[in-house]
Amino acid sequence: MRRFHNIIRRKGVKPQRALEVGGVMGKGSLLRFPELAGAERFCLNLAEMPSADGITSITGNANKMDVFDDDSFDLVLCCST
């Protein structure tokens, strides 16, 4: 997780909308990086999870993400999915 954080910080990315594919809600979420605090954040997972702390949980499959319009996100994160 530290590697993702370092890349985002080093590149100076300031996304408006960020998506974590196969993510989790809670402390382990990649969407919790301080650099993403001002972004609209979404977490996509097969398992239903409640939205919390400014992160919107979306139940769905990463192989079929038609719930989102094309070019909807400035940043997409995925780890171990």
PDB file of N, CA and C in Angstrom:
ATOM      1  N   MET A   1       0.831  -1.186   0.000  1.00  0.00           N
ATOM      2  CA  MET A   1       0.000   0.000   0.000  1.00  0.00           C
ATOM      3  C   MET A   1       0.877   1.253   0.000  1.00  0.00           C
ATOM      4  N   ARG A   2       1.992   1.177   0.650  1.00  0.00           N
ATOM      5  CA  ARG A   2       2.901   2.325   0.704  1.00  0.00           C
ATOM      6  C   ARG A   2       3.390   2.712  -0.685  1.00  0.00           C
ATOM      7  N   ARG A   3       3.577   1.713  -1.549  1.00  0.00           N
ATOM      8  CA  ARG A   3       4.055   1.990  -2.908  1.00  0.00           C
ATOM      9  C   ARG A   3       3.038   2.849  -3.669  1.00  0.00           C
ATOM     10  N   PHE A   4       1.741   2.518  -3.569  1.00  0.00           N
ATOM     11  CA  PHE A   4       0.701   3.323  -4.207  1.00  0.00           C
ATOM     12  C   PHE A   4       0.734   4.755  -3.679  1.00  0.00           C
ATOM     13  N   HIS A   5       0.822   4.874  -2.379  1.00  0.00           N
ATOM     14  CA  HIS A   5       0.835   6.194  -1.748  1.00  0.00           C
ATOM     15  C   HIS A   5       2.013   7.020  -2.257  1.00  0.00           C
ATOM     16  N   ASN A   6       3.190   6.413  -2.334  1.00  0.00           N
ATOM     17  CA  ASN A   6       4.376   7.126  -2.816  1.00  0.00           C
ATOM     18  C   ASN A   6       4.228   7.571  -4.262  1.00  0.00           C
ATOM     19  N   ILE A   7       3.651   6.725  -5.105  1.00  0.00           N
ATOM     20  CA  ILE A   7       3.469   7.082  -6.518  1.00  0.00           C
ATOM     21  C   ILE A   7       2.521   8.273  -6.633  1.00  0.00           C
ATOM     22  N   ILE A   8       1.406   8.223  -5.938  1.00  0.00           N
ATOM     23  CA  ILE A   8       0.426   9.315  -5.998  1.00  0.00           C
ATOM     24  C   ILE A   8       1.049  10.612  -5.495  1.00  0.00           C
ATOM     25  N   ARG A   9       1.758  10.527  -4.388  1.00  0.00           N
ATOM     26  CA  ARG A   9       2.383  11.729  -3.814  1.00  0.00           C
ATOM     27  C   ARG A   9       3.465  12.283  -4.736  1.00  0.00           C
ATOM     28  N   ARG A  10       4.312  11.409  -5.258  1.00  0.00           N
ATOM     29  CA  ARG A  10       5.426  11.832  -6.119  1.00  0.00           C
ATOM     30  C   ARG A  10       4.927  12.450  -7.431  1.00  0.00           C
ATOM     31  N   LYS A  11       3.863  11.899  -8.004  1.00  0.00           N
ATOM     32  CA  LYS A  11       3.329  12.409  -9.270  1.00  0.00           C
ATOM     33  C   LYS A  11       2.498  13.668  -9.086  1.00  0.00           C
ATOM     34  N   GLY A  12       2.098  13.952  -7.858  1.00  0.00           N
ATOM     35  CA  GLY A  12       1.312  15.149  -7.601  1.00  0.00           C
ATOM     36  C   GLY A  12      -0.107  15.057  -8.131  1.00  0.00           C
ATOM     37  N   VAL A  13      -0.629  13.850  -8.238  1.00  0.00           N
ATOM     38  CA  VAL A  13      -1.976  13.633  -8.749  1.00  0.00           C
ATOM     39  C   VAL A  13      -2.994  14.247  -7.784  1.00  0.00           C
ATOM     40  N   LYS A  14      -3.925  15.014  -8.321  1.00  0.00           N
ATOM     41  CA  LYS A  14      -5.014  15.626  -7.541  1.00  0.00           C
ATOM     42  C   LYS A  14      -6.337  15.297  -8.230  1.00  0.00           C
ATOM     43  N   PRO A  15      -6.766  14.038  -8.153  1.00  0.00           N
ATOM     44  CA  PRO A  15      -7.966  13.643  -8.880  1.00  0.00           C
ATOM     45  C   PRO A  15      -9.245  14.234  -8.299  1.00  0.00           C
ATOM     46  N   GLN A  16     -10.218  14.432  -9.192  1.00  0.00           N
ATOM     47  CA  GLN A  16     -11.556  14.858  -8.777  1.00  0.00           C
ATOM     48  C   GLN A  16     -12.412  13.643  -8.447  1.00  0.00           C
ATOM     49  N   ARG A  17     -12.177  12.536  -9.187  1.00  0.00           N
ATOM     50  CA  ARG A  17     -12.924  11.289  -8.978  1.00  0.00           C
ATOM     51  C   ARG A  17     -11.946  10.125  -9.012  1.00  0.00           C
ATOM     52  N   ALA A  18     -12.035   9.255  -8.005  1.00  0.00           N
ATOM     53  CA  ALA A  18     -11.137   8.115  -7.911  1.00  0.00           C
ATOM     54  C   ALA A  18     -11.941   6.840  -7.687  1.00  0.00           C
ATOM     55  N   LEU A  19     -11.472   5.741  -8.274  1.00  0.00           N
ATOM     56  CA  LEU A  19     -12.122   4.444  -8.162  1.00  0.00           C
ATOM     57  C   LEU A  19     -11.110   3.417  -7.687  1.00  0.00           C
ATOM     58  N   GLU A  20     -11.494   2.624  -6.697  1.00  0.00           N
ATOM     59  CA  GLU A  20     -10.697   1.468  -6.298  1.00  0.00           C
ATOM     60  C   GLU A  20     -11.463   0.226  -6.739  1.00  0.00           C
ATOM     61  N   VAL A  21     -10.858  -0.567  -7.618  1.00  0.00           N
ATOM     62  CA  VAL A  21     -11.474  -1.788  -8.138  1.00  0.00           C
ATOM     63  C   VAL A  21     -11.087  -2.952  -7.236  1.00  0.00           C
ATOM     64  N   GLY A  22     -12.105  -3.663  -6.741  1.00  0.00           N
ATOM     65  CA  GLY A  22     -11.845  -4.773  -5.826  1.00  0.00           C
ATOM     66  C   GLY A  22     -11.429  -4.295  -4.451  1.00  0.00           C
ATOM     67  N   GLY A  23     -11.805  -3.091  -4.127  1.00  0.00           N
ATOM     68  CA  GLY A  23     -11.378  -2.478  -2.868  1.00  0.00           C
ATOM     69  C   GLY A  23     -12.195  -2.918  -1.670  1.00  0.00           C
ATOM     70  N   VAL A  24     -11.807  -2.382  -0.550  1.00  0.00           N
ATOM     71  CA  VAL A  24     -12.486  -2.641   0.713  1.00  0.00           C
ATOM     72  C   VAL A  24     -12.828  -1.305   1.361  1.00  0.00           C
ATOM     73  N   MET A  25     -13.781  -1.356   2.242  1.00  0.00           N
ATOM     74  CA  MET A  25     -14.106  -0.174   3.032  1.00  0.00           C
ATOM     75  C   MET A  25     -13.319  -0.306   4.337  1.00  0.00           C
ATOM     76  N   GLY A  26     -12.962   0.770   4.918  1.00  0.00           N
ATOM     77  CA  GLY A  26     -12.227   0.716   6.183  1.00  0.00           C
ATOM     78  C   GLY A  26     -10.792   1.159   6.019  1.00  0.00           C
ATOM     79  N   LYS A  27      -9.994   0.879   7.020  1.00  0.00           N
ATOM     80  CA  LYS A  27      -8.607   1.357   7.055  1.00  0.00           C
ATOM     81  C   LYS A  27      -7.747   0.833   5.919  1.00  0.00           C
ATOM     82  N   GLY A  28      -8.083  -0.337   5.361  1.00  0.00           N
ATOM     83  CA  GLY A  28      -7.285  -0.925   4.298  1.00  0.00           C
ATOM     84  C   GLY A  28      -7.562  -0.372   2.915  1.00  0.00           C
ATOM     85  N   SER A  29      -8.493   0.550   2.797  1.00  0.00           N
ATOM     86  CA  SER A  29      -8.852   1.095   1.489  1.00  0.00           C
ATOM     87  C   SER A  29      -7.761   2.004   0.938  1.00  0.00           C
ATOM     88  N   LEU A  30      -7.420   1.802  -0.333  1.00  0.00           N
ATOM     89  CA  LEU A  30      -6.462   2.682  -1.001  1.00  0.00           C
ATOM     90  C   LEU A  30      -7.026   4.091  -1.163  1.00  0.00           C
ATOM     91  N   LEU A  31      -8.334   4.215  -1.077  1.00  0.00           N
ATOM     92  CA  LEU A  31      -8.987   5.517  -1.230  1.00  0.00           C
ATOM     93  C   LEU A  31      -8.810   6.416  -0.011  1.00  0.00           C
ATOM     94  N   ARG A  32      -8.187   5.930   1.019  1.00  0.00           N
ATOM     95  CA  ARG A  32      -8.004   6.705   2.249  1.00  0.00           C
ATOM     96  C   ARG A  32      -6.717   7.535   2.262  1.00  0.00           C
ATOM     97  N   PHE A  33      -5.956   7.483   1.182  1.00  0.00           N
ATOM     98  CA  PHE A  33      -4.750   8.307   1.126  1.00  0.00           C
ATOM     99  C   PHE A  33      -5.127   9.776   1.275  1.00  0.00           C
ATOM    100  N   PRO A  34      -4.357  10.552   2.030  1.00  0.00           N
ATOM    101  CA  PRO A  34      -4.669  11.970   2.231  1.00  0.00           C
ATOM    102  C   PRO A  34      -4.784  12.751   0.917  1.00  0.00           C
ATOM    103  N   GLU A  35      -4.032  12.367  -0.097  1.00  0.00           N
ATOM    104  CA  GLU A  35      -4.063  13.057  -1.390  1.00  0.00           C
ATOM    105  C   GLU A  35      -5.417  12.901  -2.089  1.00  0.00           C
ATOM    106  N   LEU A  36      -6.217  11.945  -1.662  1.00  0.00           N
ATOM    107  CA  LEU A  36      -7.508  11.692  -2.290  1.00  0.00           C
ATOM    108  C   LEU A  36      -8.672  12.226  -1.462  1.00  0.00           C
ATOM    109  N   ALA A  37      -8.376  12.878  -0.364  1.00  0.00           N
ATOM    110  CA  ALA A  37      -9.425  13.332   0.564  1.00  0.00           C
ATOM    111  C   ALA A  37     -10.434  14.265  -0.094  1.00  0.00           C
ATOM    112  N   GLY A  38     -10.025  15.074  -1.048  1.00  0.00           N
ATOM    113  CA  GLY A  38     -10.940  16.012  -1.689  1.00  0.00           C
ATOM    114  C   GLY A  38     -11.666  15.437  -2.895  1.00  0.00           C
ATOM    115  N   ALA A  39     -11.330  14.216  -3.276  1.00  0.00           N
ATOM    116  CA  ALA A  39     -11.920  13.602  -4.466  1.00  0.00           C
ATOM    117  C   ALA A  39     -13.234  12.906  -4.134  1.00  0.00           C
ATOM    118  N   GLU A  40     -14.070  12.780  -5.133  1.00  0.00           N
ATOM    119  CA  GLU A  40     -15.246  11.924  -5.031  1.00  0.00           C
ATOM    120  C   GLU A  40     -14.712  10.496  -5.193  1.00  0.00           C
ATOM    121  N   ARG A  41     -14.935   9.642  -4.189  1.00  0.00           N
ATOM    122  CA  ARG A  41     -14.287   8.325  -4.151  1.00  0.00           C
ATOM    123  C   ARG A  41     -15.320   7.198  -4.221  1.00  0.00           C
ATOM    124  N   PHE A  42     -14.995   6.175  -5.039  1.00  0.00           N
ATOM    125  CA  PHE A  42     -15.871   5.028  -5.232  1.00  0.00           C
ATOM    126  C   PHE A  42     -15.078   3.740  -5.050  1.00  0.00           C
ATOM    127  N   CYS A  43     -15.720   2.756  -4.433  1.00  0.00           N
ATOM    128  CA  CYS A  43     -15.101   1.453  -4.208  1.00  0.00           C
ATOM    129  C   CYS A  43     -15.982   0.395  -4.869  1.00  0.00           C
ATOM    130  N   LEU A  44     -15.446  -0.335  -5.839  1.00  0.00           N
ATOM    131  CA  LEU A  44     -16.179  -1.374  -6.562  1.00  0.00           C
ATOM    132  C   LEU A  44     -15.752  -2.739  -6.040  1.00  0.00           C
ATOM    133  N   ASN A  45     -16.730  -3.567  -5.653  1.00  0.00           N
ATOM    134  CA  ASN A  45     -16.431  -4.901  -5.155  1.00  0.00           C
ATOM    135  C   ASN A  45     -17.624  -5.805  -5.432  1.00  0.00           C
ATOM    136  N   LEU A  46     -17.362  -7.102  -5.591  1.00  0.00           N
ATOM    137  CA  LEU A  46     -18.432  -8.076  -5.769  1.00  0.00           C
ATOM    138  C   LEU A  46     -19.286  -8.188  -4.514  1.00  0.00           C
ATOM    139  N   ALA A  47     -18.659  -7.996  -3.372  1.00  0.00           N
ATOM    140  CA  ALA A  47     -19.362  -8.095  -2.087  1.00  0.00           C
ATOM    141  C   ALA A  47     -20.057  -6.771  -1.776  1.00  0.00           C
ATOM    142  N   GLU A  48     -21.263  -6.853  -1.297  1.00  0.00           N
ATOM    143  CA  GLU A  48     -21.996  -5.655  -0.903  1.00  0.00           C
ATOM    144  C   GLU A  48     -21.416  -5.111   0.394  1.00  0.00           C
ATOM    145  N   MET A  49     -21.122  -3.827   0.395  1.00  0.00           N
ATOM    146  CA  MET A  49     -20.565  -3.168   1.575  1.00  0.00           C
ATOM    147  C   MET A  49     -21.266  -1.824   1.737  1.00  0.00           C
ATOM    148  N   PRO A  50     -21.399  -1.342   2.964  1.00  0.00           N
ATOM    149  CA  PRO A  50     -22.018  -0.033   3.147  1.00  0.00           C
ATOM    150  C   PRO A  50     -21.049   1.096   2.777  1.00  0.00           C
ATOM    151  N   SER A  51     -21.585   2.159   2.216  1.00  0.00           N
ATOM    152  CA  SER A  51     -20.782   3.356   1.962  1.00  0.00           C
ATOM    153  C   SER A  51     -20.461   3.996   3.309  1.00  0.00           C
ATOM    154  N   ALA A  52     -19.297   4.616   3.408  1.00  0.00           N
ATOM    155  CA  ALA A  52     -18.902   5.225   4.685  1.00  0.00           C
ATOM    156  C   ALA A  52     -17.787   6.229   4.476  1.00  0.00           C
ATOM    157  N   ASP A  53     -17.759   7.222   5.336  1.00  0.00           N
ATOM    158  CA  ASP A  53     -16.653   8.181   5.408  1.00  0.00           C
ATOM    159  C   ASP A  53     -16.313   8.831   4.064  1.00  0.00           C
ATOM    160  N   GLY A  54     -17.346   9.176   3.298  1.00  0.00           N
ATOM    161  CA  GLY A  54     -17.111   9.860   2.035  1.00  0.00           C
ATOM    162  C   GLY A  54     -16.729   8.956   0.883  1.00  0.00           C
ATOM    163  N   ILE A  55     -16.783   7.652   1.079  1.00  0.00           N
ATOM    164  CA  ILE A  55     -16.488   6.694   0.013  1.00  0.00           C
ATOM    165  C   ILE A  55     -17.787   5.971  -0.331  1.00  0.00           C
ATOM    166  N   THR A  56     -18.144   5.997  -1.616  1.00  0.00           N
ATOM    167  CA  THR A  56     -19.362   5.343  -2.085  1.00  0.00           C
ATOM    168  C   THR A  56     -19.042   3.919  -2.515  1.00  0.00           C
ATOM    169  N   SER A  57     -19.701   2.961  -1.901  1.00  0.00           N
ATOM    170  CA  SER A  57     -19.518   1.556  -2.238  1.00  0.00           C
ATOM    171  C   SER A  57     -20.463   1.180  -3.372  1.00  0.00           C
ATOM    172  N   ILE A  58     -19.914   0.525  -4.402  1.00  0.00           N
ATOM    173  CA  ILE A  58     -20.679   0.054  -5.541  1.00  0.00           C
ATOM    174  C   ILE A  58     -20.499  -1.454  -5.629  1.00  0.00           C
ATOM    175  N   THR A  59     -21.604  -2.193  -5.626  1.00  0.00           N
ATOM    176  CA  THR A  59     -21.543  -3.641  -5.786  1.00  0.00           C
ATOM    177  C   THR A  59     -21.561  -3.951  -7.274  1.00  0.00           C
ATOM    178  N   GLY A  60     -20.523  -4.648  -7.745  1.00  0.00           N
ATOM    179  CA  GLY A  60     -20.457  -4.960  -9.161  1.00  0.00           C
ATOM    180  C   GLY A  60     -19.197  -5.711  -9.522  1.00  0.00           C
ATOM    181  N   ASN A  61     -19.117  -6.096 -10.782  1.00  0.00           N
ATOM    182  CA  ASN A  61     -18.030  -6.895 -11.311  1.00  0.00           C
ATOM    183  C   ASN A  61     -17.098  -6.006 -12.140  1.00  0.00           C
ATOM    184  N   ALA A  62     -15.811  -6.110 -11.906  1.00  0.00           N
ATOM    185  CA  ALA A  62     -14.831  -5.301 -12.635  1.00  0.00           C
ATOM    186  C   ALA A  62     -14.773  -5.657 -14.116  1.00  0.00           C
ATOM    187  N   ASN A  63     -15.301  -6.818 -14.487  1.00  0.00           N
ATOM    188  CA  ASN A  63     -15.333  -7.213 -15.898  1.00  0.00           C
ATOM    189  C   ASN A  63     -16.488  -6.567 -16.654  1.00  0.00           C
ATOM    190  N   LYS A  64     -17.404  -5.941 -15.934  1.00  0.00           N
ATOM    191  CA  LYS A  64     -18.559  -5.291 -16.570  1.00  0.00           C
ATOM    192  C   LYS A  64     -18.913  -4.058 -15.739  1.00  0.00           C
ATOM    193  N   MET A  65     -18.273  -2.951 -16.057  1.00  0.00           N
ATOM    194  CA  MET A  65     -18.444  -1.739 -15.259  1.00  0.00           C
ATOM    195  C   MET A  65     -19.293  -0.700 -15.978  1.00  0.00           C
ATOM    196  N   ASP A  66     -20.376  -1.158 -16.621  1.00  0.00           N
ATOM    197  CA  ASP A  66     -21.225  -0.219 -17.347  1.00  0.00           C
ATOM    198  C   ASP A  66     -22.049   0.670 -16.415  1.00  0.00           C
ATOM    199  N   VAL A  67     -21.917   0.476 -15.130  1.00  0.00           N
ATOM    200  CA  VAL A  67     -22.556   1.367 -14.165  1.00  0.00           C
ATOM    201  C   VAL A  67     -21.907   2.759 -14.207  1.00  0.00           C
ATOM    202  N   PHE A  68     -20.687   2.819 -14.743  1.00  0.00           N
ATOM    203  CA  PHE A  68     -19.948   4.077 -14.865  1.00  0.00           C
ATOM    204  C   PHE A  68     -19.856   4.497 -16.327  1.00  0.00           C
ATOM    205  N   ASP A  69     -19.932   5.794 -16.589  1.00  0.00           N
ATOM    206  CA  ASP A  69     -19.696   6.313 -17.931  1.00  0.00           C
ATOM    207  C   ASP A  69     -18.218   6.184 -18.270  1.00  0.00           C
ATOM    208  N   ASP A  70     -17.893   6.094 -19.552  1.00  0.00           N
ATOM    209  CA  ASP A  70     -16.495   6.091 -19.985  1.00  0.00           C
ATOM    210  C   ASP A  70     -15.814   7.373 -19.520  1.00  0.00           C
ATOM    211  N   ASP A  71     -14.551   7.284 -19.211  1.00  0.00           N
ATOM    212  CA  ASP A  71     -13.726   8.424 -18.790  1.00  0.00           C
ATOM    213  C   ASP A  71     -14.291   9.124 -17.552  1.00  0.00           C
ATOM    214  N   SER A  72     -14.854   8.346 -16.630  1.00  0.00           N
ATOM    215  CA  SER A  72     -15.467   8.904 -15.421  1.00  0.00           C
ATOM    216  C   SER A  72     -14.475   9.233 -14.316  1.00  0.00           C
ATOM    217  N   PHE A  73     -13.276   8.644 -14.383  1.00  0.00           N
ATOM    218  CA  PHE A  73     -12.347   8.769 -13.260  1.00  0.00           C
ATOM    219  C   PHE A  73     -10.997   9.326 -13.690  1.00  0.00           C
ATOM    220  N   ASP A  74     -10.421  10.134 -12.814  1.00  0.00           N
ATOM    221  CA  ASP A  74      -9.073  10.666 -13.014  1.00  0.00           C
ATOM    222  C   ASP A  74      -8.019   9.674 -12.529  1.00  0.00           C
ATOM    223  N   LEU A  75      -8.437   8.798 -11.605  1.00  0.00           N
ATOM    224  CA  LEU A  75      -7.506   7.849 -11.007  1.00  0.00           C
ATOM    225  C   LEU A  75      -8.246   6.554 -10.721  1.00  0.00           C
ATOM    226  N   VAL A  76      -7.650   5.425 -11.140  1.00  0.00           N
ATOM    227  CA  VAL A  76      -8.203   4.103 -10.844  1.00  0.00           C
ATOM    228  C   VAL A  76      -7.099   3.302 -10.154  1.00  0.00           C
ATOM    229  N   LEU A  77      -7.439   2.739  -9.005  1.00  0.00           N
ATOM    230  CA  LEU A  77      -6.503   1.952  -8.212  1.00  0.00           C
ATOM    231  C   LEU A  77      -6.981   0.505  -8.138  1.00  0.00           C
ATOM    232  N   CYS A  78      -6.054  -0.431  -8.152  1.00  0.00           N
ATOM    233  CA  CYS A  78      -6.404  -1.844  -8.029  1.00  0.00           C
ATOM    234  C   CYS A  78      -5.184  -2.567  -7.471  1.00  0.00           C
ATOM    235  N   CYS A  79      -5.418  -3.390  -6.468  1.00  0.00           N
ATOM    236  CA  CYS A  79      -4.328  -4.139  -5.862  1.00  0.00           C
ATOM    237  C   CYS A  79      -4.832  -5.544  -5.510  1.00  0.00           C
ATOM    238  N   SER A  80      -4.168  -6.556  -5.990  1.00  0.00           N
ATOM    239  CA  SER A  80      -4.479  -7.945  -5.623  1.00  0.00           C
ATOM    240  C   SER A  80      -5.875  -8.377  -6.028  1.00  0.00           C
ATOM    241  N   THR A  81      -6.366  -7.867  -7.132  1.00  0.00           N
ATOM    242  CA  THR A  81      -7.692  -8.264  -7.607  1.00  0.00           C
ATOM    243  C   THR A  81      -7.555  -9.120  -8.840  1.00  0.00           C
TER     244      THR A  81
END
